[in-house]
């Protein structure tokens, strides 16, 4: 068999395995979405949040930006860290207080408006695309 066949086979088997794992571990009620049904200690939850912030892509892209741009690249690291901390401190408590799991749900219910919810959805998509573009730029610099 050729390398292309092996690669295709590996990808298909991987997707099937991930799909099976996702299907087996699906959440049965909304309580399961809130910190694993409240069965995770605060320290472990904080460690998981920190790991989410410092993903491999973030680490590589931030290191690449600082390596390529020098001290000017540290601006991105400070903005990334500061923004994450501000988000956690200023928004997360209100999400929990209102019992919402997404920012658009919180904004829509807080301001009693589906238009506000739509604006929050568009903003979340824009921020996500900006995040991905920054990550790809940093990873591209490293490679």
N, C-alpha and C. Protein backbone atom coordinates (compact mmCIF):
# COMPACT_ATOMS: atom_id res chain seq x y z
N UNK A 1 0.83 -1.19 0.00
CA UNK A 1 0.00 0.00 0.00
C UNK A 1 0.88 1.25 0.00
N UNK A 2 0.35 2.30 -0.61
CA UNK A 2 1.11 3.54 -0.70
C UNK A 2 0.92 4.37 0.58
N UNK A 3 1.72 5.40 0.70
CA UNK A 3 1.63 6.30 1.85
C UNK A 3 0.29 7.01 1.87
N UNK A 4 -0.24 7.38 0.70
CA UNK A 4 -1.53 8.06 0.63
C UNK A 4 -2.66 7.18 1.15
N UNK A 5 -2.63 5.91 0.84
CA UNK A 5 -3.65 4.99 1.31
C UNK A 5 -3.55 4.85 2.82
N UNK A 6 -2.35 4.68 3.34
CA UNK A 6 -2.16 4.57 4.79
C UNK A 6 -2.63 5.84 5.50
N UNK A 7 -2.30 6.99 4.93
CA UNK A 7 -2.72 8.26 5.54
C UNK A 7 -4.23 8.39 5.55
N UNK A 8 -4.87 8.08 4.44
CA UNK A 8 -6.33 8.14 4.36
C UNK A 8 -6.96 7.18 5.35
N UNK A 9 -6.46 6.00 5.42
CA UNK A 9 -6.98 5.00 6.36
C UNK A 9 -6.83 5.47 7.81
N UNK A 10 -5.66 6.02 8.13
CA UNK A 10 -5.43 6.52 9.48
C UNK A 10 -6.38 7.66 9.83
N UNK A 11 -6.61 8.58 8.90
CA UNK A 11 -7.52 9.70 9.14
C UNK A 11 -8.95 9.21 9.33
N UNK A 12 -9.39 8.30 8.50
CA UNK A 12 -10.76 7.78 8.61
C UNK A 12 -10.96 7.06 9.94
N UNK A 13 -10.01 6.21 10.31
CA UNK A 13 -10.12 5.49 11.59
C UNK A 13 -10.09 6.47 12.76
N UNK A 14 -9.26 7.50 12.68
CA UNK A 14 -9.21 8.50 13.75
C UNK A 14 -10.54 9.21 13.90
N UNK A 15 -11.13 9.65 12.78
CA UNK A 15 -12.42 10.32 12.85
C UNK A 15 -13.51 9.41 13.41
N UNK A 16 -13.49 8.16 13.02
CA UNK A 16 -14.48 7.23 13.54
C UNK A 16 -14.30 7.03 15.05
N UNK A 17 -13.05 6.94 15.49
CA UNK A 17 -12.78 6.78 16.92
C UNK A 17 -13.23 8.01 17.70
N UNK A 18 -12.91 9.21 17.20
CA UNK A 18 -13.32 10.44 17.88
C UNK A 18 -14.84 10.58 17.89
N UNK A 19 -15.49 10.21 16.79
CA UNK A 19 -16.95 10.24 16.76
C UNK A 19 -17.56 9.30 17.78
N UNK A 20 -17.01 8.11 17.90
CA UNK A 20 -17.50 7.15 18.88
C UNK A 20 -17.31 7.66 20.30
N UNK A 21 -16.13 8.22 20.58
CA UNK A 21 -15.88 8.77 21.92
C UNK A 21 -16.86 9.90 22.22
N UNK A 22 -17.08 10.79 21.25
CA UNK A 22 -18.04 11.88 21.45
C UNK A 22 -19.45 11.37 21.67
N UNK A 23 -19.85 10.34 20.92
CA UNK A 23 -21.18 9.80 21.07
C UNK A 23 -21.35 9.13 22.44
N UNK A 24 -20.33 8.42 22.91
CA UNK A 24 -20.41 7.73 24.20
C UNK A 24 -20.39 8.69 25.39
N UNK A 25 -19.74 9.83 25.24
CA UNK A 25 -19.60 10.74 26.38
C UNK A 25 -20.52 11.95 26.27
N UNK A 26 -21.59 11.83 25.53
CA UNK A 26 -22.51 12.96 25.37
C UNK A 26 -23.20 13.29 26.70
N UNK A 27 -23.56 14.53 26.83
CA UNK A 27 -24.18 15.02 28.05
C UNK A 27 -25.68 14.77 27.97
N UNK A 28 -26.25 14.32 29.07
CA UNK A 28 -27.66 13.95 29.07
C UNK A 28 -28.58 15.07 29.55
N UNK A 29 -28.06 16.00 30.35
CA UNK A 29 -28.86 17.17 30.77
C UNK A 29 -27.95 18.40 30.83
N UNK A 30 -28.56 19.57 31.01
CA UNK A 30 -27.79 20.81 30.96
C UNK A 30 -26.83 20.95 32.13
N UNK A 31 -27.07 20.28 33.23
CA UNK A 31 -26.16 20.36 34.37
C UNK A 31 -24.78 19.82 34.00
N UNK A 32 -24.73 18.89 33.07
CA UNK A 32 -23.46 18.32 32.66
C UNK A 32 -22.55 19.29 31.94
N UNK A 33 -23.10 20.40 31.42
CA UNK A 33 -22.29 21.39 30.74
C UNK A 33 -21.58 22.31 31.72
N UNK A 34 -22.02 22.35 32.97
CA UNK A 34 -21.43 23.26 33.94
C UNK A 34 -20.36 22.54 34.74
N UNK A 35 -19.15 22.69 34.36
CA UNK A 35 -17.98 22.13 35.03
C UNK A 35 -18.21 20.65 35.35
N UNK A 36 -18.48 19.89 34.32
CA UNK A 36 -18.62 18.43 34.42
C UNK A 36 -19.63 18.03 35.48
N UNK A 37 -20.77 18.69 35.50
CA UNK A 37 -21.80 18.35 36.47
C UNK A 37 -21.41 18.69 37.89
N UNK A 38 -20.57 19.67 38.07
CA UNK A 38 -20.06 20.14 39.36
C UNK A 38 -19.29 19.05 40.10
N UNK A 39 -18.70 18.14 39.35
CA UNK A 39 -17.93 17.07 39.96
C UNK A 39 -16.43 17.28 39.89
N UNK A 40 -16.00 18.46 39.44
CA UNK A 40 -14.59 18.76 39.31
C UNK A 40 -14.20 19.79 40.36
N UNK A 41 -13.15 19.54 41.14
CA UNK A 41 -12.74 20.53 42.15
C UNK A 41 -12.26 21.83 41.49
N UNK A 42 -12.30 22.92 42.24
CA UNK A 42 -11.95 24.24 41.71
C UNK A 42 -10.51 24.28 41.20
N UNK A 43 -9.59 23.61 41.89
CA UNK A 43 -8.19 23.62 41.47
C UNK A 43 -8.04 22.94 40.10
N UNK A 44 -8.70 21.81 39.92
CA UNK A 44 -8.62 21.11 38.64
C UNK A 44 -9.29 21.92 37.54
N UNK A 45 -10.39 22.60 37.86
CA UNK A 45 -11.06 23.45 36.87
C UNK A 45 -10.15 24.62 36.48
N UNK A 46 -9.48 25.22 37.44
CA UNK A 46 -8.54 26.30 37.13
C UNK A 46 -7.38 25.82 36.29
N UNK A 47 -6.89 24.62 36.57
CA UNK A 47 -5.80 24.07 35.77
C UNK A 47 -6.26 23.80 34.34
N UNK A 48 -7.49 23.33 34.18
CA UNK A 48 -8.02 23.09 32.83
C UNK A 48 -8.20 24.40 32.07
N UNK A 49 -8.64 25.44 32.77
CA UNK A 49 -8.79 26.75 32.13
C UNK A 49 -7.44 27.30 31.72
N UNK A 50 -6.44 27.16 32.57
CA UNK A 50 -5.09 27.62 32.24
C UNK A 50 -4.53 26.84 31.06
N UNK A 51 -4.80 25.54 31.01
CA UNK A 51 -4.33 24.73 29.89
C UNK A 51 -5.01 25.14 28.60
N UNK A 52 -6.27 25.54 28.69
CA UNK A 52 -6.98 26.02 27.51
C UNK A 52 -6.36 27.32 27.01
N UNK A 53 -5.99 28.20 27.92
CA UNK A 53 -5.35 29.46 27.54
C UNK A 53 -4.00 29.20 26.89
N UNK A 54 -3.21 28.30 27.49
CA UNK A 54 -1.87 28.05 26.97
C UNK A 54 -1.88 26.78 26.14
N UNK A 55 -2.66 26.81 25.08
CA UNK A 55 -2.68 25.67 24.18
C UNK A 55 -1.38 25.61 23.39
N UNK A 56 -1.17 24.53 22.72
CA UNK A 56 0.05 24.38 21.94
C UNK A 56 0.14 25.45 20.85
N UNK A 57 -0.98 25.74 20.23
CA UNK A 57 -0.98 26.76 19.18
C UNK A 57 -0.65 28.13 19.77
N UNK A 58 -1.19 28.43 20.94
CA UNK A 58 -0.90 29.71 21.58
C UNK A 58 0.58 29.80 21.94
N UNK A 59 1.08 28.73 22.50
CA UNK A 59 2.48 28.75 22.92
C UNK A 59 3.40 28.92 21.73
N UNK A 60 3.15 28.16 20.68
CA UNK A 60 4.00 28.24 19.50
C UNK A 60 3.90 29.61 18.84
N UNK A 61 2.67 30.11 18.72
CA UNK A 61 2.51 31.39 18.03
C UNK A 61 3.10 32.53 18.84
N UNK A 62 2.92 32.53 20.16
CA UNK A 62 3.49 33.60 20.98
C UNK A 62 5.02 33.52 20.97
N UNK A 63 5.56 32.32 21.06
CA UNK A 63 7.02 32.19 20.99
C UNK A 63 7.54 32.62 19.63
N UNK A 64 6.81 32.29 18.58
CA UNK A 64 7.22 32.69 17.24
C UNK A 64 7.17 34.20 17.05
N UNK A 65 6.11 34.83 17.57
CA UNK A 65 6.01 36.29 17.44
C UNK A 65 7.13 36.99 18.20
N UNK A 66 7.41 36.53 19.41
CA UNK A 66 8.48 37.16 20.19
C UNK A 66 9.83 36.89 19.54
N UNK A 67 10.02 35.69 19.01
CA UNK A 67 11.27 35.38 18.33
C UNK A 67 11.47 36.23 17.08
N UNK A 68 10.40 36.40 16.32
CA UNK A 68 10.49 37.14 15.06
C UNK A 68 10.52 38.66 15.27
N UNK A 69 9.70 39.15 16.21
CA UNK A 69 9.56 40.59 16.39
C UNK A 69 10.35 41.15 17.57
N UNK A 70 10.96 40.28 18.37
CA UNK A 70 11.71 40.74 19.53
C UNK A 70 10.78 41.25 20.61
N UNK A 71 11.18 42.33 21.28
CA UNK A 71 10.37 42.87 22.36
C UNK A 71 9.01 43.36 21.87
N UNK A 72 8.92 43.80 20.64
CA UNK A 72 7.64 44.24 20.10
C UNK A 72 6.63 43.09 20.05
N UNK A 73 7.10 41.88 19.93
CA UNK A 73 6.21 40.73 19.92
C UNK A 73 5.58 40.45 21.28
N UNK A 74 6.21 40.95 22.34
CA UNK A 74 5.63 40.72 23.67
C UNK A 74 4.33 41.48 23.88
N UNK A 75 4.06 42.46 23.03
CA UNK A 75 2.78 43.18 23.11
C UNK A 75 1.62 42.20 22.92
N UNK A 76 1.78 41.28 21.99
CA UNK A 76 0.73 40.30 21.74
C UNK A 76 0.52 39.40 22.95
N UNK A 77 1.61 39.01 23.58
CA UNK A 77 1.51 38.16 24.76
C UNK A 77 0.80 38.88 25.89
N UNK A 78 1.13 40.15 26.10
CA UNK A 78 0.49 40.92 27.17
C UNK A 78 -0.99 41.14 26.88
N UNK A 79 -1.30 41.44 25.63
CA UNK A 79 -2.71 41.62 25.26
C UNK A 79 -3.50 40.35 25.39
N UNK A 80 -2.91 39.24 24.99
CA UNK A 80 -3.55 37.93 25.08
C UNK A 80 -3.82 37.57 26.54
N UNK A 81 -2.80 37.73 27.38
CA UNK A 81 -2.95 37.40 28.79
C UNK A 81 -3.92 38.36 29.48
N UNK A 82 -3.74 39.65 29.24
CA UNK A 82 -4.62 40.63 29.88
C UNK A 82 -6.06 40.47 29.47
N UNK A 83 -6.29 40.22 28.20
CA UNK A 83 -7.66 40.02 27.73
C UNK A 83 -8.30 38.79 28.33
N UNK A 84 -7.53 37.73 28.46
CA UNK A 84 -8.07 36.50 29.04
C UNK A 84 -8.43 36.70 30.51
N UNK A 85 -7.54 37.39 31.24
CA UNK A 85 -7.81 37.64 32.65
C UNK A 85 -9.03 38.55 32.81
N UNK A 86 -9.11 39.60 31.99
CA UNK A 86 -10.27 40.49 32.07
C UNK A 86 -11.56 39.75 31.75
N UNK A 87 -11.52 38.91 30.76
CA UNK A 87 -12.70 38.13 30.41
C UNK A 87 -13.12 37.24 31.57
N UNK A 88 -12.15 36.57 32.17
CA UNK A 88 -12.47 35.67 33.28
C UNK A 88 -13.00 36.43 34.49
N UNK A 89 -12.43 37.59 34.77
CA UNK A 89 -12.84 38.34 35.96
C UNK A 89 -14.14 39.13 35.76
N UNK A 90 -14.36 39.67 34.57
CA UNK A 90 -15.48 40.56 34.38
C UNK A 90 -16.72 39.90 33.76
N UNK A 91 -16.55 38.80 33.07
CA UNK A 91 -17.70 38.20 32.40
C UNK A 91 -18.12 36.86 33.01
N UNK A 92 -17.17 36.04 33.36
CA UNK A 92 -17.49 34.69 33.84
C UNK A 92 -18.42 34.68 35.06
N UNK A 93 -18.22 35.55 36.06
CA UNK A 93 -19.14 35.51 37.20
C UNK A 93 -20.60 35.79 36.82
N UNK A 94 -20.80 36.64 35.83
CA UNK A 94 -22.17 36.95 35.42
C UNK A 94 -22.79 35.82 34.63
N UNK A 95 -21.98 35.13 33.84
CA UNK A 95 -22.50 33.95 33.16
C UNK A 95 -22.99 32.93 34.16
N UNK A 96 -22.21 32.73 35.20
CA UNK A 96 -22.60 31.77 36.23
C UNK A 96 -23.83 32.24 36.99
N UNK A 97 -23.87 33.52 37.32
CA UNK A 97 -24.99 34.08 38.08
C UNK A 97 -26.30 33.95 37.30
N UNK A 98 -26.26 34.19 35.99
CA UNK A 98 -27.45 34.11 35.17
C UNK A 98 -27.76 32.69 34.72
N UNK A 99 -26.85 31.75 34.98
CA UNK A 99 -27.07 30.36 34.60
C UNK A 99 -26.97 30.12 33.11
N UNK A 100 -26.18 30.93 32.43
CA UNK A 100 -26.01 30.80 30.98
C UNK A 100 -24.64 30.17 30.68
N UNK A 101 -24.56 29.53 29.52
CA UNK A 101 -23.33 28.84 29.15
C UNK A 101 -22.59 29.51 28.01
N UNK A 102 -23.23 30.43 27.30
CA UNK A 102 -22.59 31.14 26.21
C UNK A 102 -22.80 32.63 26.37
N UNK A 103 -21.89 33.42 25.82
CA UNK A 103 -22.00 34.87 25.89
C UNK A 103 -23.23 35.37 25.14
N UNK A 104 -23.53 34.88 23.93
CA UNK A 104 -24.76 35.37 23.27
C UNK A 104 -26.04 35.08 24.07
N UNK A 105 -26.13 33.93 24.73
CA UNK A 105 -27.30 33.66 25.57
C UNK A 105 -27.38 34.66 26.71
N UNK A 106 -26.26 34.94 27.34
CA UNK A 106 -26.22 35.90 28.44
C UNK A 106 -26.63 37.28 27.97
N UNK A 107 -26.05 37.74 26.86
CA UNK A 107 -26.35 39.09 26.35
C UNK A 107 -27.82 39.18 25.94
N UNK A 108 -28.33 38.18 25.26
CA UNK A 108 -29.72 38.20 24.83
C UNK A 108 -30.69 38.24 26.00
N UNK A 109 -30.44 37.46 27.03
CA UNK A 109 -31.33 37.45 28.20
C UNK A 109 -31.14 38.68 29.07
N UNK A 110 -29.91 39.17 29.16
CA UNK A 110 -29.63 40.34 29.99
C UNK A 110 -30.29 41.59 29.44
N UNK A 111 -30.28 41.74 28.12
CA UNK A 111 -30.84 42.93 27.49
C UNK A 111 -32.20 42.68 26.85
N UNK A 112 -32.79 41.50 27.07
CA UNK A 112 -34.12 41.15 26.58
C UNK A 112 -34.26 41.45 25.09
N UNK A 113 -33.29 41.01 24.32
CA UNK A 113 -33.30 41.35 22.91
C UNK A 113 -32.64 40.25 22.08
N UNK A 114 -33.35 39.86 21.03
CA UNK A 114 -32.74 38.91 20.09
C UNK A 114 -31.74 39.60 19.18
N UNK A 115 -31.91 40.91 18.97
CA UNK A 115 -30.95 41.66 18.17
C UNK A 115 -29.60 41.70 18.90
N UNK A 116 -29.64 41.94 20.22
CA UNK A 116 -28.40 41.94 21.01
C UNK A 116 -27.75 40.57 20.97
N UNK A 117 -28.56 39.53 21.01
CA UNK A 117 -28.03 38.16 20.92
C UNK A 117 -27.34 37.95 19.58
N UNK A 118 -27.95 38.44 18.50
CA UNK A 118 -27.37 38.30 17.17
C UNK A 118 -26.06 39.07 17.05
N UNK A 119 -26.03 40.28 17.62
CA UNK A 119 -24.79 41.06 17.62
C UNK A 119 -23.69 40.32 18.39
N UNK A 120 -24.04 39.69 19.52
CA UNK A 120 -23.07 38.92 20.30
C UNK A 120 -22.57 37.71 19.52
N UNK A 121 -23.44 37.07 18.75
CA UNK A 121 -23.03 35.93 17.93
C UNK A 121 -22.04 36.38 16.86
N UNK A 122 -22.36 37.49 16.18
CA UNK A 122 -21.47 38.01 15.14
C UNK A 122 -20.12 38.40 15.75
N UNK A 123 -20.15 39.05 16.92
CA UNK A 123 -18.90 39.43 17.59
C UNK A 123 -18.09 38.20 17.98
N UNK A 124 -18.76 37.16 18.48
CA UNK A 124 -18.05 35.94 18.87
C UNK A 124 -17.40 35.27 17.66
N UNK A 125 -18.10 35.26 16.54
CA UNK A 125 -17.52 34.67 15.32
C UNK A 125 -16.34 35.51 14.84
N UNK A 126 -16.48 36.84 14.87
CA UNK A 126 -15.38 37.72 14.45
C UNK A 126 -14.15 37.52 15.33
N UNK A 127 -14.37 37.45 16.64
CA UNK A 127 -13.25 37.25 17.56
C UNK A 127 -12.60 35.89 17.32
N UNK A 128 -13.40 34.87 17.07
CA UNK A 128 -12.84 33.54 16.82
C UNK A 128 -12.00 33.52 15.55
N UNK A 129 -12.49 34.17 14.49
CA UNK A 129 -11.73 34.20 13.25
C UNK A 129 -10.44 35.01 13.42
N UNK A 130 -10.52 36.11 14.18
CA UNK A 130 -9.33 36.90 14.45
C UNK A 130 -8.31 36.08 15.24
N UNK A 131 -8.79 35.32 16.21
CA UNK A 131 -7.92 34.45 17.00
C UNK A 131 -7.22 33.42 16.11
N UNK A 132 -7.98 32.79 15.24
CA UNK A 132 -7.40 31.77 14.37
C UNK A 132 -6.38 32.40 13.41
N UNK A 133 -6.70 33.58 12.89
CA UNK A 133 -5.76 34.25 11.98
C UNK A 133 -4.45 34.58 12.69
N UNK A 134 -4.54 35.06 13.93
CA UNK A 134 -3.34 35.36 14.71
C UNK A 134 -2.53 34.11 15.01
N UNK A 135 -3.24 33.04 15.33
CA UNK A 135 -2.54 31.79 15.62
C UNK A 135 -1.83 31.26 14.37
N UNK A 136 -2.50 31.32 13.26
CA UNK A 136 -1.87 30.83 12.02
C UNK A 136 -0.69 31.69 11.62
N UNK A 137 -0.78 32.98 11.85
CA UNK A 137 0.34 33.87 11.53
C UNK A 137 1.56 33.51 12.40
N UNK A 138 1.33 33.34 13.69
CA UNK A 138 2.45 32.99 14.58
C UNK A 138 3.06 31.65 14.26
N UNK A 139 2.21 30.67 13.98
CA UNK A 139 2.71 29.34 13.64
C UNK A 139 3.46 29.39 12.31
N UNK A 140 2.95 30.19 11.38
CA UNK A 140 3.64 30.34 10.09
C UNK A 140 5.01 30.94 10.24
N UNK A 141 5.14 31.91 11.14
CA UNK A 141 6.46 32.53 11.39
C UNK A 141 7.42 31.50 11.94
N UNK A 142 6.96 30.67 12.87
CA UNK A 142 7.82 29.66 13.48
C UNK A 142 8.30 28.67 12.41
N UNK A 143 7.37 28.20 11.59
CA UNK A 143 7.76 27.22 10.58
C UNK A 143 8.54 27.85 9.46
